[in-house]
């Protein structure tokens, strides 16, 4: 018999799975996490027959960039600061939550980030070329992933519905000042050399300071458009990545 004055024990909360705990920590670190199932053989370093749950760490627009700007990597002057910051955070999260850190630039073989994104988030191939996201538009990017071997498969994402491009006048295709993007029978075409030459020129100041005008013209995900400081950072990185940059 329980005495009336006996202290009552609070019911214990269900313990979060490592994947859910990692997602919460990733969100606090500035990412937008989403999960999907990886097919056997898709995760580098795992046995070909081993399935895995994958937690994608997407850039969450200005929130992610603000977290990066407060990091040591953003100020140390060494090459590839954003990539190094992404790696450090992904490896730290992996160590804490028992996962394997995967970076999109680790390869070959290159991890299938876009394939995973298509299983985890509402995305489509765009008419411009880059992946189109339902809320982040043409600014979607995935900085890292965490693989959890033998973890239960996350539920499949809901059907994202019809592709927004199919009912759109495609202002993205006409916004580029030098027509670096085009639709062809073989699919989207992107002339990176023409784009880089324009961005580096005096006439490319708007692109350098505000970001890609073609991506900015997309009506989907307008709230995720990069702010000038973030846009300038990415454009400078783009120019450095070009031959002779």
Protein backbone atom coordinates (compact mmCIF):
# COMPACT_ATOMS: atom_id res chain seq x y z
CA UNK A 1 0.00 0.00 0.00
CA UNK A 2 1.32 3.47 -0.98
CA UNK A 3 1.16 6.04 1.79
CA UNK A 4 -0.62 9.28 0.82
CA UNK A 5 2.44 11.30 1.80
CA UNK A 6 4.92 9.15 -0.16
CA UNK A 7 6.74 11.03 -2.97
CA UNK A 8 5.55 10.07 -6.42
CA UNK A 9 8.05 9.02 -9.01
CA UNK A 10 7.85 10.82 -12.30
CA UNK A 11 7.42 8.51 -15.27
CA UNK A 12 10.64 8.12 -17.18
CA UNK A 13 10.79 9.61 -20.63
CA UNK A 14 11.57 7.14 -23.40
CA UNK A 15 15.27 7.31 -24.18
CA UNK A 16 15.95 8.93 -27.56
CA UNK A 17 17.59 6.73 -30.17
CA UNK A 18 21.16 7.64 -31.16
CA UNK A 19 19.85 8.93 -34.49
CA UNK A 20 17.22 11.15 -32.84
CA UNK A 21 19.73 12.41 -30.29
CA UNK A 22 22.20 13.20 -33.07
CA UNK A 23 19.50 15.05 -35.00
CA UNK A 24 18.73 17.21 -31.98
CA UNK A 25 22.41 18.00 -31.47
CA UNK A 26 22.90 18.74 -35.18
CA UNK A 27 19.97 21.15 -35.13
CA UNK A 28 21.50 22.95 -32.14
CA UNK A 29 24.81 23.18 -34.02
CA UNK A 30 23.14 25.03 -36.91
CA UNK A 31 22.18 22.29 -39.36
CA UNK A 32 18.83 21.11 -40.71
CA UNK A 33 18.89 17.32 -40.18
CA UNK A 34 16.83 14.75 -42.06
CA UNK A 35 17.05 10.95 -42.16
CA UNK A 36 16.73 8.20 -44.74
CA UNK A 37 17.70 4.58 -45.24
CA UNK A 38 20.93 3.84 -47.09
CA UNK A 39 21.02 0.78 -49.29
CA UNK A 40 23.75 -1.81 -48.72
CA UNK A 41 26.95 -0.63 -50.36
CA UNK A 42 26.04 3.07 -50.36
CA UNK A 43 28.02 4.05 -47.28
CA UNK A 44 31.78 4.20 -47.87
CA UNK A 45 33.69 2.01 -45.46
CA UNK A 46 30.79 -0.27 -44.52
CA UNK A 47 30.43 -3.86 -45.70
CA UNK A 48 28.45 -4.05 -48.91
CA UNK A 49 25.72 -6.10 -47.22
CA UNK A 50 25.31 -3.74 -44.25
CA UNK A 51 22.25 -1.45 -44.32
CA UNK A 52 22.40 1.85 -42.48
CA UNK A 53 20.31 4.81 -41.45
CA UNK A 54 21.77 8.08 -42.69
CA UNK A 55 21.27 11.47 -41.04
CA UNK A 56 21.85 14.26 -43.54
CA UNK A 57 23.14 17.56 -42.19
CA UNK A 58 21.80 20.23 -44.54
CA UNK A 59 22.80 23.87 -44.53
CA UNK A 60 19.98 25.89 -43.00
CA UNK A 61 20.60 29.20 -44.75
CA UNK A 62 21.70 32.15 -42.60
CA UNK A 63 21.48 30.07 -39.40
CA UNK A 64 24.21 27.70 -40.56
CA UNK A 65 26.36 30.51 -41.91
CA UNK A 66 26.12 32.40 -38.61
CA UNK A 67 27.31 29.28 -36.75
CA UNK A 68 30.20 28.91 -39.19
CA UNK A 69 31.19 32.58 -38.87
CA UNK A 70 31.63 32.16 -35.12
CA UNK A 71 34.02 29.22 -35.61
CA UNK A 72 37.85 29.22 -35.51
CA UNK A 73 37.93 27.89 -39.09
CA UNK A 74 36.28 31.03 -40.44
CA UNK A 75 39.12 33.21 -39.12
CA UNK A 76 42.29 31.10 -39.35
CA UNK A 77 43.08 31.96 -42.98
CA UNK A 78 43.63 28.33 -44.02
CA UNK A 79 42.01 26.97 -47.21
CA UNK A 80 38.50 25.51 -47.30
CA UNK A 81 37.24 26.86 -43.96
CA UNK A 82 33.61 25.81 -44.45
CA UNK A 83 34.57 22.26 -45.41
CA UNK A 84 36.90 21.97 -42.42
CA UNK A 85 34.21 23.32 -40.07
CA UNK A 86 31.69 20.84 -41.48
CA UNK A 87 34.11 17.96 -41.01
CA UNK A 88 34.94 18.92 -37.42
CA UNK A 89 31.29 19.13 -36.41
CA UNK A 90 30.30 15.95 -38.24
CA UNK A 91 33.15 13.95 -36.73
CA UNK A 92 32.36 15.29 -33.26
CA UNK A 93 28.69 14.35 -33.60
CA UNK A 94 29.65 10.93 -34.94
CA UNK A 95 31.98 10.25 -32.00
CA UNK A 96 29.33 11.19 -29.45
CA UNK A 97 26.45 9.29 -31.04
CA UNK A 98 28.18 6.19 -32.36
CA UNK A 99 28.00 7.00 -36.05
CA UNK A 100 30.34 7.32 -39.03
CA UNK A 101 30.92 10.83 -40.41
CA UNK A 102 30.61 11.18 -44.20
CA UNK A 103 31.54 14.29 -46.17
CA UNK A 104 30.39 14.94 -49.75
CA UNK A 105 33.92 15.84 -50.86
CA UNK A 106 35.44 12.59 -49.56
CA UNK A 107 36.11 10.38 -52.56
CA UNK A 108 36.24 8.71 -54.89
CA UNK A 109 34.00 6.85 -54.47
CA UNK A 110 31.74 9.84 -53.88
CA UNK A 111 28.95 9.36 -51.34
CA UNK A 112 25.50 9.59 -53.00
CA UNK A 113 24.29 12.68 -51.14
CA UNK A 114 21.72 13.70 -53.76
CA UNK A 115 20.29 10.17 -53.82
CA UNK A 116 19.95 10.26 -50.04
CA UNK A 117 18.42 13.73 -50.16
CA UNK A 118 15.79 12.50 -52.62
CA UNK A 119 14.75 9.88 -50.04
CA UNK A 120 14.82 12.20 -47.04
CA UNK A 121 13.51 15.58 -48.19
CA UNK A 122 11.04 17.19 -50.64
CA UNK A 123 13.37 17.75 -53.61
CA UNK A 124 13.24 17.58 -57.39
CA UNK A 125 15.69 18.02 -60.29
CA UNK A 126 15.36 21.66 -61.36
CA UNK A 127 15.24 23.11 -64.85
CA UNK A 128 18.39 25.04 -63.99
CA UNK A 129 20.39 21.97 -62.96
CA UNK A 130 20.90 22.18 -59.15
CA UNK A 131 18.49 20.28 -56.92
CA UNK A 132 15.33 22.21 -56.06
CA UNK A 133 14.13 22.01 -52.44
CA UNK A 134 10.53 22.76 -51.41
CA UNK A 135 11.55 25.32 -48.77
CA UNK A 136 15.19 26.15 -49.59
CA UNK A 137 14.68 26.48 -53.33
CA UNK A 138 17.90 26.39 -55.34
CA UNK A 139 19.97 27.09 -52.21
CA UNK A 140 19.81 23.54 -50.87
CA UNK A 141 23.13 21.97 -49.87
CA UNK A 142 24.16 19.10 -47.65
CA UNK A 143 27.32 19.68 -45.64
CA UNK A 144 27.78 16.22 -44.13
CA UNK A 145 26.04 13.01 -43.10
CA UNK A 146 26.14 10.56 -40.21
CA UNK A 147 25.73 6.85 -40.91
CA UNK A 148 24.32 4.54 -38.23
CA UNK A 149 25.08 0.91 -39.20
CA UNK A 150 22.23 -1.53 -38.61
CA UNK A 151 19.95 1.21 -37.25
CA UNK A 152 16.22 0.87 -37.94
CA UNK A 153 15.29 2.38 -41.29
CA UNK A 154 13.63 5.80 -40.94
CA UNK A 155 10.15 6.06 -42.46
CA UNK A 156 10.11 7.13 -46.10
CA UNK A 157 9.41 10.80 -46.69
CA UNK A 158 5.94 11.76 -47.94
CA UNK A 159 5.48 12.22 -51.68
CA UNK A 160 6.60 15.83 -52.35
CA UNK A 161 3.97 16.25 -55.06
CA UNK A 162 4.40 17.83 -58.48
CA UNK A 163 7.63 19.60 -59.31
CA UNK A 164 7.18 23.39 -58.99
CA UNK A 165 9.24 23.92 -62.16
CA UNK A 166 6.52 22.32 -64.29
CA UNK A 167 4.08 25.17 -63.62
CA UNK A 168 6.70 27.95 -63.58
CA UNK A 169 7.69 30.50 -66.23
CA UNK A 170 11.34 29.71 -65.35
CA UNK A 171 12.72 33.18 -64.59
CA UNK A 172 15.86 31.36 -63.45
CA UNK A 173 16.78 30.56 -67.07
CA UNK A 174 16.63 34.19 -68.22
CA UNK A 175 18.15 35.89 -65.17
CA UNK A 176 21.80 35.06 -65.87
CA UNK A 177 23.46 38.06 -67.56
CA UNK A 178 25.63 35.82 -69.75
CA UNK A 179 23.17 32.93 -70.32
CA UNK A 180 25.38 30.41 -68.54
CA UNK A 181 22.33 28.17 -67.98
CA UNK A 182 20.18 26.60 -70.67
CA UNK A 183 17.76 23.75 -71.23
CA UNK A 184 18.77 21.24 -73.88
CA UNK A 185 17.25 17.96 -75.13
CA UNK A 186 19.95 16.21 -73.08
CA UNK A 187 19.06 18.12 -69.92
CA UNK A 188 20.20 21.31 -68.17
CA UNK A 189 23.45 22.84 -69.40
CA UNK A 190 25.76 25.01 -67.29
CA UNK A 191 28.73 26.84 -68.81
CA UNK A 192 30.95 27.23 -65.74
CA UNK A 193 33.74 28.99 -67.66
CA UNK A 194 31.39 31.68 -68.98
CA UNK A 195 29.87 32.09 -65.50
CA UNK A 196 33.25 32.43 -63.78
CA UNK A 197 34.58 34.90 -66.35
CA UNK A 198 31.56 37.13 -65.83
CA UNK A 199 31.59 36.88 -62.02
CA UNK A 200 35.29 37.83 -61.95
CA UNK A 201 34.80 40.81 -64.28
CA UNK A 202 33.76 44.36 -63.36
CA UNK A 203 30.33 43.60 -64.84
CA UNK A 204 29.93 40.70 -62.41
CA UNK A 205 29.87 42.81 -59.27
CA UNK A 206 26.17 42.15 -58.65
CA UNK A 207 26.75 38.39 -58.83
CA UNK A 208 29.84 38.59 -56.59
CA UNK A 209 28.08 40.64 -53.92
CA UNK A 210 24.51 39.24 -54.03
CA UNK A 211 25.01 35.69 -55.24
CA UNK A 212 23.91 33.84 -58.35
CA UNK A 213 21.17 35.90 -60.01
CA UNK A 214 19.68 32.81 -61.67
CA UNK A 215 19.21 31.08 -58.31
CA UNK A 216 17.87 34.28 -56.78
CA UNK A 217 15.22 34.46 -59.50
CA UNK A 218 13.62 31.17 -58.43
CA UNK A 219 10.30 31.89 -56.67
CA UNK A 220 10.64 28.75 -54.54
CA UNK A 221 12.49 29.18 -51.28
CA UNK A 222 12.79 32.96 -51.49
CA UNK A 223 13.21 33.12 -47.70
CA UNK A 224 16.40 31.03 -47.96
CA UNK A 225 18.22 33.41 -50.33
CA UNK A 226 21.76 34.06 -49.13
CA UNK A 227 22.41 37.40 -47.45
CA UNK A 228 25.12 39.53 -49.13
CA UNK A 229 27.97 38.47 -46.80
CA UNK A 230 27.12 34.79 -47.22
CA UNK A 231 26.68 35.17 -50.98
CA UNK A 232 30.04 36.93 -51.31
CA UNK A 233 31.75 34.16 -49.33
CA UNK A 234 30.41 31.44 -51.62
CA UNK A 235 31.13 33.38 -54.81
CA UNK A 236 34.72 33.97 -53.72
CA UNK A 237 35.07 30.24 -53.00
CA UNK A 238 33.64 29.47 -56.46
CA UNK A 239 36.21 31.71 -58.15
CA UNK A 240 39.08 30.17 -56.15
CA UNK A 241 37.96 26.71 -57.25
CA UNK A 242 38.29 27.56 -60.95
CA UNK A 243 41.55 26.87 -62.85
CA UNK A 244 43.91 29.73 -62.09
CA UNK A 245 41.63 31.00 -59.31
